[in-house]
C-alpha atoms as a PDB file:
ATOM      1  CA  UNK A   1     -29.301  39.356  -8.553  1.00  0.00           C
ATOM      2  CA  UNK A   2     -26.044  39.716  -6.808  1.00  0.00           C
ATOM      3  CA  UNK A   3     -25.062  43.250  -5.742  1.00  0.00           C
ATOM      4  CA  UNK A   4     -22.112  45.234  -7.036  1.00  0.00           C
ATOM      5  CA  UNK A   5     -20.594  45.294  -3.553  1.00  0.00           C
ATOM      6  CA  UNK A   6     -20.710  41.477  -3.430  1.00  0.00           C
ATOM      7  CA  UNK A   7     -18.951  41.283  -6.791  1.00  0.00           C
ATOM      8  CA  UNK A   8     -16.229  43.772  -5.599  1.00  0.00           C
ATOM      9  CA  UNK A   9     -15.788  41.591  -2.404  1.00  0.00           C
ATOM     10  CA  UNK A  10     -15.436  38.413  -4.479  1.00  0.00           C
ATOM     11  CA  UNK A  11     -12.957  40.083  -6.807  1.00  0.00           C
ATOM     12  CA  UNK A  12     -11.015  41.380  -3.797  1.00  0.00           C
ATOM     13  CA  UNK A  13     -10.893  37.862  -2.299  1.00  0.00           C
ATOM     14  CA  UNK A  14      -9.718  36.545  -5.796  1.00  0.00           C
ATOM     15  CA  UNK A  15      -7.174  39.413  -5.934  1.00  0.00           C
ATOM     16  CA  UNK A  16      -8.653  40.707  -9.234  1.00  0.00           C
ATOM     17  CA  UNK A  17      -8.741  44.285 -10.297  1.00  0.00           C
ATOM     18  CA  UNK A  18     -11.929  44.844 -12.249  1.00  0.00           C
ATOM     19  CA  UNK A  19     -12.940  47.975 -14.117  1.00  0.00           C
ATOM     20  CA  UNK A  20     -16.487  49.335 -13.675  1.00  0.00           C
ATOM     21  CA  UNK A  21     -17.366  47.719 -17.028  1.00  0.00           C
ATOM     22  CA  UNK A  22     -15.996  44.364 -15.918  1.00  0.00           C
ATOM     23  CA  UNK A  23     -17.832  44.658 -12.504  1.00  0.00           C
ATOM     24  CA  UNK A  24     -21.176  45.115 -14.292  1.00  0.00           C
ATOM     25  CA  UNK A  25     -20.417  42.205 -16.635  1.00  0.00           C
ATOM     26  CA  UNK A  26     -19.412  39.995 -13.690  1.00  0.00           C
ATOM     27  CA  UNK A  27     -22.564  41.126 -11.865  1.00  0.00           C
ATOM     28  CA  UNK A  28     -24.796  39.940 -14.649  1.00  0.00           C
ATOM     29  CA  UNK A  29     -22.877  36.714 -15.251  1.00  0.00           C
ATOM     30  CA  UNK A  30     -22.749  35.728 -11.543  1.00  0.00           C
ATOM     31  CA  UNK A  31     -26.436  36.684 -11.187  1.00  0.00           C
ATOM     32  CA  UNK A  32     -27.350  34.302 -14.102  1.00  0.00           C
ATOM     33  CA  UNK A  33     -25.252  31.536 -12.593  1.00  0.00           C
ATOM     34  CA  UNK A  34     -26.811  31.911  -9.133  1.00  0.00           C
ATOM     35  CA  UNK A  35     -30.407  31.989 -10.714  1.00  0.00           C
ATOM     36  CA  UNK A  36     -29.549  28.687 -12.529  1.00  0.00           C
ATOM     37  CA  UNK A  37     -28.320  27.110  -9.239  1.00  0.00           C
ATOM     38  CA  UNK A  38     -31.572  28.214  -7.572  1.00  0.00           C
ATOM     39  CA  UNK A  39     -33.484  26.499 -10.329  1.00  0.00           C
ATOM     40  CA  UNK A  40     -31.505  23.327  -9.932  1.00  0.00           C
ATOM     41  CA  UNK A  41     -32.113  23.392  -6.083  1.00  0.00           C
ATOM     42  CA  UNK A  42     -35.885  23.276  -6.781  1.00  0.00           C
ATOM     43  CA  UNK A  43     -35.648  19.989  -8.745  1.00  0.00           C
ATOM     44  CA  UNK A  44     -36.932  16.822  -7.002  1.00  0.00           C
ATOM     45  CA  UNK A  45     -34.061  14.376  -6.999  1.00  0.00           C
ATOM     46  CA  UNK A  46     -35.426  12.098  -4.269  1.00  0.00           C
ATOM     47  CA  UNK A  47     -35.673   9.227  -6.622  1.00  0.00           C
ATOM     48  CA  UNK A  48     -32.247   9.668  -8.325  1.00  0.00           C
ATOM     49  CA  UNK A  49     -29.415   7.482  -7.025  1.00  0.00           C
ATOM     50  CA  UNK A  50     -26.304   9.319  -5.942  1.00  0.00           C
ATOM     51  CA  UNK A  51     -23.346   8.629  -8.067  1.00  0.00           C
ATOM     52  CA  UNK A  52     -21.087   8.539  -5.057  1.00  0.00           C
ATOM     53  CA  UNK A  53     -23.030   5.493  -3.633  1.00  0.00           C
ATOM     54  CA  UNK A  54     -22.647   3.592  -6.921  1.00  0.00           C
ATOM     55  CA  UNK A  55     -18.820   3.884  -6.906  1.00  0.00           C
ATOM     56  CA  UNK A  56     -17.113   0.961  -5.308  1.00  0.00           C
ATOM     57  CA  UNK A  57     -13.924   1.929  -3.499  1.00  0.00           C
ATOM     58  CA  UNK A  58     -11.306  -0.655  -2.910  1.00  0.00           C
ATOM     59  CA  UNK A  59      -7.645  -0.803  -2.135  1.00  0.00           C
ATOM     60  CA  UNK A  60      -5.628  -1.121  -5.310  1.00  0.00           C
ATOM     61  CA  UNK A  61      -2.119  -1.111  -3.855  1.00  0.00           C
ATOM     62  CA  UNK A  62      -0.161  -4.270  -4.255  1.00  0.00           C
ATOM     63  CA  UNK A  63       1.060  -6.334  -1.328  1.00  0.00           C
ATOM     64  CA  UNK A  64       4.605  -5.558  -0.149  1.00  0.00           C
ATOM     65  CA  UNK A  65       6.534  -8.802  -0.635  1.00  0.00           C
ATOM     66  CA  UNK A  66      10.179  -9.030   0.138  1.00  0.00           C
ATOM     67  CA  UNK A  67      12.275 -10.624  -2.682  1.00  0.00           C
ATOM     68  CA  UNK A  68      15.442 -12.494  -2.216  1.00  0.00           C
ATOM     69  CA  UNK A  69      18.436 -10.509  -3.291  1.00  0.00           C
ATOM     70  CA  UNK A  70      20.710 -11.939  -5.864  1.00  0.00           C
ATOM     71  CA  UNK A  71      24.109 -11.575  -4.096  1.00  0.00           C
ATOM     72  CA  UNK A  72      26.018 -12.496  -7.198  1.00  0.00           C
ATOM     73  CA  UNK A  73      24.804  -9.384  -9.003  1.00  0.00           C
ATOM     74  CA  UNK A  74      25.403  -7.139  -5.933  1.00  0.00           C
ATOM     75  CA  UNK A  75      28.898  -8.355  -5.672  1.00  0.00           C
ATOM     76  CA  UNK A  76      29.372  -7.832  -9.339  1.00  0.00           C
ATOM     77  CA  UNK A  77      28.326  -4.328  -9.077  1.00  0.00           C
ATOM     78  CA  UNK A  78      30.524  -3.633  -6.125  1.00  0.00           C
ATOM     79  CA  UNK A  79      33.552  -5.166  -8.095  1.00  0.00           C
ATOM     80  CA  UNK A  80      32.855  -2.830 -11.106  1.00  0.00           C
ATOM     81  CA  UNK A  81      32.311   0.354  -8.908  1.00  0.00           C
ATOM     82  CA  UNK A  82      35.248   2.749  -9.328  1.00  0.00           C
ATOM     83  CA  UNK A  83      35.489   4.167  -5.811  1.00  0.00           C
ATOM     84  CA  UNK A  84      35.015   1.996  -2.662  1.00  0.00           C
ATOM     85  CA  UNK A  85      35.790   2.308   0.944  1.00  0.00           C
ATOM     86  CA  UNK A  86      35.436  -1.121   2.655  1.00  0.00           C
ATOM     87  CA  UNK A  87      31.906  -2.366   1.891  1.00  0.00           C
ATOM     88  CA  UNK A  88      30.720   0.994   0.993  1.00  0.00           C
ATOM     89  CA  UNK A  89      30.540   2.621  -2.450  1.00  0.00           C
ATOM     90  CA  UNK A  90      31.782   6.194  -2.681  1.00  0.00           C
ATOM     91  CA  UNK A  91      29.906   8.723  -4.755  1.00  0.00           C
ATOM     92  CA  UNK A  92      30.271  12.436  -5.325  1.00  0.00           C
ATOM     93  CA  UNK A  93      28.698  14.708  -2.822  1.00  0.00           C
ATOM     94  CA  UNK A  94      25.247  15.954  -3.621  1.00  0.00           C
ATOM     95  CA  UNK A  95      24.987  18.616  -0.935  1.00  0.00           C
ATOM     96  CA  UNK A  96      28.006  20.759  -0.411  1.00  0.00           C
END
């Protein structure tokens, strides 16, 4: 069983304010959880394959391939743009 002081310490770390009633309830619940974990630790799992070993990890990112630009469409955009300064397109300031 977990002590009341340990529950208070955990509550303080989690920045929780617990009443005495809540502290007692948490003490029982955490004790039950820890008892269950102890029971699980006693199980023999030597013949059970780890799920992490059965997962195949592979790179799923696509190859970065440069594409040829369609200069006709770029020039069309430049012609339609309302504000230009030389080869540059003028836009409203984002950061003032």
